[in-house]
Amino acid sequence: MHPQIIAMAAAEHVKDMQAVANRTRRARAARRARRGVIAITAAGRFVQEAAQAPCPQPPCPELTARAA
């Protein structure tokens, strides 16, 4: 094939790949916008509440070392 034709085909391929990447990036941004912002404070509040709750299981018995 002629080198100029190959260069034109490669340039067209690069343009197509950039267009796909832009569409993907915009779609991802739109999905994130629809989901809303994730509030970190809500997760922190859940962790604090879980830390204050008593443990439902009794503590494990102590392990003793036995001679082999």
N, C-alpha and C. Protein backbone atom coordinates (compact mmCIF):
# COMPACT_ATOMS: atom_id res chain seq x y z
N MET A 1 0.84 -1.19 0.00
CA MET A 1 0.00 0.00 0.00
C MET A 1 0.88 1.24 0.00
N HIS A 2 0.30 2.30 -0.47
CA HIS A 2 1.04 3.56 -0.52
C HIS A 2 1.19 4.12 0.89
N PRO A 3 2.37 4.64 1.23
CA PRO A 3 2.58 5.15 2.61
C PRO A 3 1.62 6.26 3.00
N GLN A 4 1.22 7.09 2.04
CA GLN A 4 0.31 8.18 2.37
C GLN A 4 -1.08 7.65 2.73
N ILE A 5 -1.50 6.60 2.04
CA ILE A 5 -2.80 5.99 2.35
C ILE A 5 -2.76 5.35 3.74
N ILE A 6 -1.65 4.70 4.06
CA ILE A 6 -1.51 4.08 5.38
C ILE A 6 -1.54 5.15 6.47
N ALA A 7 -0.86 6.28 6.23
CA ALA A 7 -0.86 7.36 7.21
C ALA A 7 -2.25 7.94 7.39
N MET A 8 -3.01 8.08 6.30
CA MET A 8 -4.37 8.62 6.40
C MET A 8 -5.27 7.65 7.17
N ALA A 9 -5.12 6.34 6.90
CA ALA A 9 -5.92 5.34 7.61
C ALA A 9 -5.57 5.34 9.10
N ALA A 10 -4.28 5.46 9.42
CA ALA A 10 -3.87 5.49 10.82
C ALA A 10 -4.41 6.73 11.53
N ALA A 11 -4.38 7.89 10.84
CA ALA A 11 -4.91 9.12 11.43
C ALA A 11 -6.41 8.99 11.67
N GLU A 12 -7.12 8.37 10.74
CA GLU A 12 -8.56 8.18 10.91
C GLU A 12 -8.84 7.24 12.09
N HIS A 13 -8.03 6.22 12.23
CA HIS A 13 -8.18 5.28 13.34
C HIS A 13 -7.95 5.99 14.67
N VAL A 14 -6.95 6.84 14.73
CA VAL A 14 -6.67 7.59 15.96
C VAL A 14 -7.84 8.51 16.29
N LYS A 15 -8.40 9.16 15.29
CA LYS A 15 -9.57 10.04 15.54
C LYS A 15 -10.74 9.24 16.08
N ASP A 16 -10.96 8.05 15.51
CA ASP A 16 -12.06 7.20 15.98
C ASP A 16 -11.83 6.77 17.43
N MET A 17 -10.61 6.39 17.75
CA MET A 17 -10.32 5.99 19.13
C MET A 17 -10.49 7.14 20.10
N GLN A 18 -10.10 8.34 19.71
CA GLN A 18 -10.27 9.51 20.58
C GLN A 18 -11.75 9.82 20.77
N ALA A 19 -12.55 9.66 19.71
CA ALA A 19 -13.98 9.92 19.82
C ALA A 19 -14.63 8.92 20.78
N VAL A 20 -14.24 7.66 20.68
CA VAL A 20 -14.77 6.64 21.60
C VAL A 20 -14.37 6.96 23.03
N ALA A 21 -13.12 7.36 23.23
CA ALA A 21 -12.66 7.69 24.58
C ALA A 21 -13.42 8.88 25.14
N ASN A 22 -13.69 9.89 24.32
CA ASN A 22 -14.44 11.06 24.79
C ASN A 22 -15.87 10.68 25.15
N ARG A 23 -16.50 9.85 24.31
CA ARG A 23 -17.87 9.42 24.62
C ARG A 23 -17.90 8.63 25.92
N THR A 24 -16.93 7.75 26.10
CA THR A 24 -16.87 6.95 27.32
C THR A 24 -16.67 7.83 28.54
N ARG A 25 -15.78 8.79 28.43
CA ARG A 25 -15.50 9.69 29.55
C ARG A 25 -16.74 10.50 29.91
N ARG A 26 -17.44 11.00 28.90
CA ARG A 26 -18.64 11.80 29.17
C ARG A 26 -19.75 10.95 29.77
N ALA A 27 -19.89 9.72 29.28
CA ALA A 27 -20.91 8.82 29.84
C ALA A 27 -20.60 8.50 31.29
N ARG A 28 -19.33 8.27 31.60
CA ARG A 28 -18.94 7.98 32.98
C ARG A 28 -19.21 9.17 33.88
N ALA A 29 -18.91 10.38 33.39
CA ALA A 29 -19.16 11.58 34.18
C ALA A 29 -20.66 11.77 34.41
N ALA A 30 -21.47 11.46 33.39
CA ALA A 30 -22.92 11.60 33.53
C ALA A 30 -23.46 10.59 34.55
N ARG A 31 -22.94 9.36 34.52
CA ARG A 31 -23.38 8.37 35.51
C ARG A 31 -23.03 8.80 36.91
N ARG A 32 -21.82 9.33 37.08
CA ARG A 32 -21.43 9.81 38.41
C ARG A 32 -22.30 10.96 38.86
N ALA A 33 -22.66 11.83 37.94
CA ALA A 33 -23.51 12.97 38.31
C ALA A 33 -24.90 12.50 38.71
N ARG A 34 -25.42 11.47 38.02
CA ARG A 34 -26.75 10.95 38.38
C ARG A 34 -26.72 10.26 39.73
N ARG A 35 -25.63 9.58 40.05
CA ARG A 35 -25.54 8.88 41.34
C ARG A 35 -25.44 9.84 42.51
N GLY A 36 -24.82 10.96 42.29
CA GLY A 36 -24.65 11.93 43.36
C GLY A 36 -23.32 11.75 44.05
N VAL A 37 -23.04 12.65 44.93
CA VAL A 37 -21.77 12.64 45.65
C VAL A 37 -21.87 11.69 46.83
N ILE A 38 -20.87 10.89 47.02
CA ILE A 38 -20.83 9.98 48.16
C ILE A 38 -20.29 10.76 49.36
N ALA A 39 -21.07 10.80 50.41
CA ALA A 39 -20.67 11.57 51.58
C ALA A 39 -19.79 10.70 52.48
N ILE A 40 -18.61 11.16 52.72
CA ILE A 40 -17.68 10.41 53.57
C ILE A 40 -18.12 10.48 55.02
N THR A 41 -18.78 11.55 55.41
CA THR A 41 -19.21 11.70 56.80
C THR A 41 -20.21 10.63 57.19
N ALA A 42 -21.06 10.18 56.26
CA ALA A 42 -22.03 9.14 56.57
C ALA A 42 -21.31 7.84 56.90
N ALA A 43 -20.27 7.51 56.15
CA ALA A 43 -19.51 6.30 56.42
C ALA A 43 -18.80 6.42 57.77
N GLY A 44 -18.27 7.58 58.08
CA GLY A 44 -17.61 7.78 59.36
C GLY A 44 -18.57 7.63 60.51
N ARG A 45 -19.79 8.12 60.33
CA ARG A 45 -20.80 8.01 61.38
C ARG A 45 -21.15 6.55 61.61
N PHE A 46 -21.26 5.74 60.54
CA PHE A 46 -21.57 4.33 60.68
C PHE A 46 -20.46 3.60 61.45
N VAL A 47 -19.23 3.92 61.15
CA VAL A 47 -18.11 3.28 61.84
C VAL A 47 -18.13 3.65 63.31
N GLN A 48 -18.44 4.89 63.64
CA GLN A 48 -18.49 5.30 65.04
C GLN A 48 -19.61 4.58 65.78
N GLU A 49 -20.77 4.43 65.14
CA GLU A 49 -21.88 3.73 65.78
C GLU A 49 -21.54 2.26 66.00
N ALA A 50 -20.87 1.65 65.03
CA ALA A 50 -20.50 0.25 65.16
C ALA A 50 -19.47 0.06 66.26
N ALA A 51 -18.59 1.02 66.44
CA ALA A 51 -17.57 0.91 67.47
C ALA A 51 -18.18 1.04 68.86
N GLN A 52 -19.29 1.75 69.02
CA GLN A 52 -19.91 1.95 70.32
C GLN A 52 -20.82 0.79 70.70
N ALA A 53 -21.27 0.00 69.72
CA ALA A 53 -22.16 -1.11 70.02
C ALA A 53 -21.39 -2.23 70.69
N PRO A 54 -22.02 -2.93 71.66
CA PRO A 54 -21.32 -4.04 72.32
C PRO A 54 -21.17 -5.23 71.37
N CYS A 55 -20.17 -6.02 71.61
CA CYS A 55 -19.89 -7.19 70.79
C CYS A 55 -20.92 -8.28 71.13
N PRO A 56 -21.57 -8.89 70.14
CA PRO A 56 -22.60 -9.90 70.43
C PRO A 56 -22.01 -11.24 70.85
N GLN A 57 -20.73 -11.50 70.59
CA GLN A 57 -20.12 -12.79 70.92
C GLN A 57 -19.27 -12.65 72.18
N PRO A 58 -19.24 -13.70 72.99
CA PRO A 58 -18.37 -13.66 74.17
C PRO A 58 -16.90 -13.72 73.71
N PRO A 59 -16.00 -13.26 74.53
CA PRO A 59 -14.59 -13.30 74.15
C PRO A 59 -14.09 -14.74 74.00
N CYS A 60 -13.10 -14.92 73.18
CA CYS A 60 -12.51 -16.25 72.96
C CYS A 60 -11.75 -16.69 74.21
N PRO A 61 -11.72 -18.00 74.51
CA PRO A 61 -10.93 -18.46 75.66
C PRO A 61 -9.43 -18.30 75.37
N GLU A 62 -8.67 -18.14 76.42
CA GLU A 62 -7.24 -17.96 76.23
C GLU A 62 -6.60 -19.25 75.74
N LEU A 63 -5.63 -19.12 74.88
CA LEU A 63 -4.92 -20.27 74.36
C LEU A 63 -3.74 -20.59 75.28
N THR A 64 -3.53 -21.86 75.55
CA THR A 64 -2.40 -22.25 76.37
C THR A 64 -1.44 -23.07 75.53
N ALA A 65 -0.16 -22.95 75.82
CA ALA A 65 0.83 -23.70 75.08
C ALA A 65 1.03 -25.06 75.74
N ARG A 66 0.96 -26.11 74.95
CA ARG A 66 1.16 -27.47 75.48
C ARG A 66 2.52 -27.98 75.00
N ALA A 67 3.15 -28.78 75.82
CA ALA A 67 4.44 -29.36 75.42
C ALA A 67 4.18 -30.46 74.41
N ALA A 68 5.00 -30.50 73.40
CA ALA A 68 4.81 -31.49 72.35
C ALA A 68 5.41 -32.82 72.69
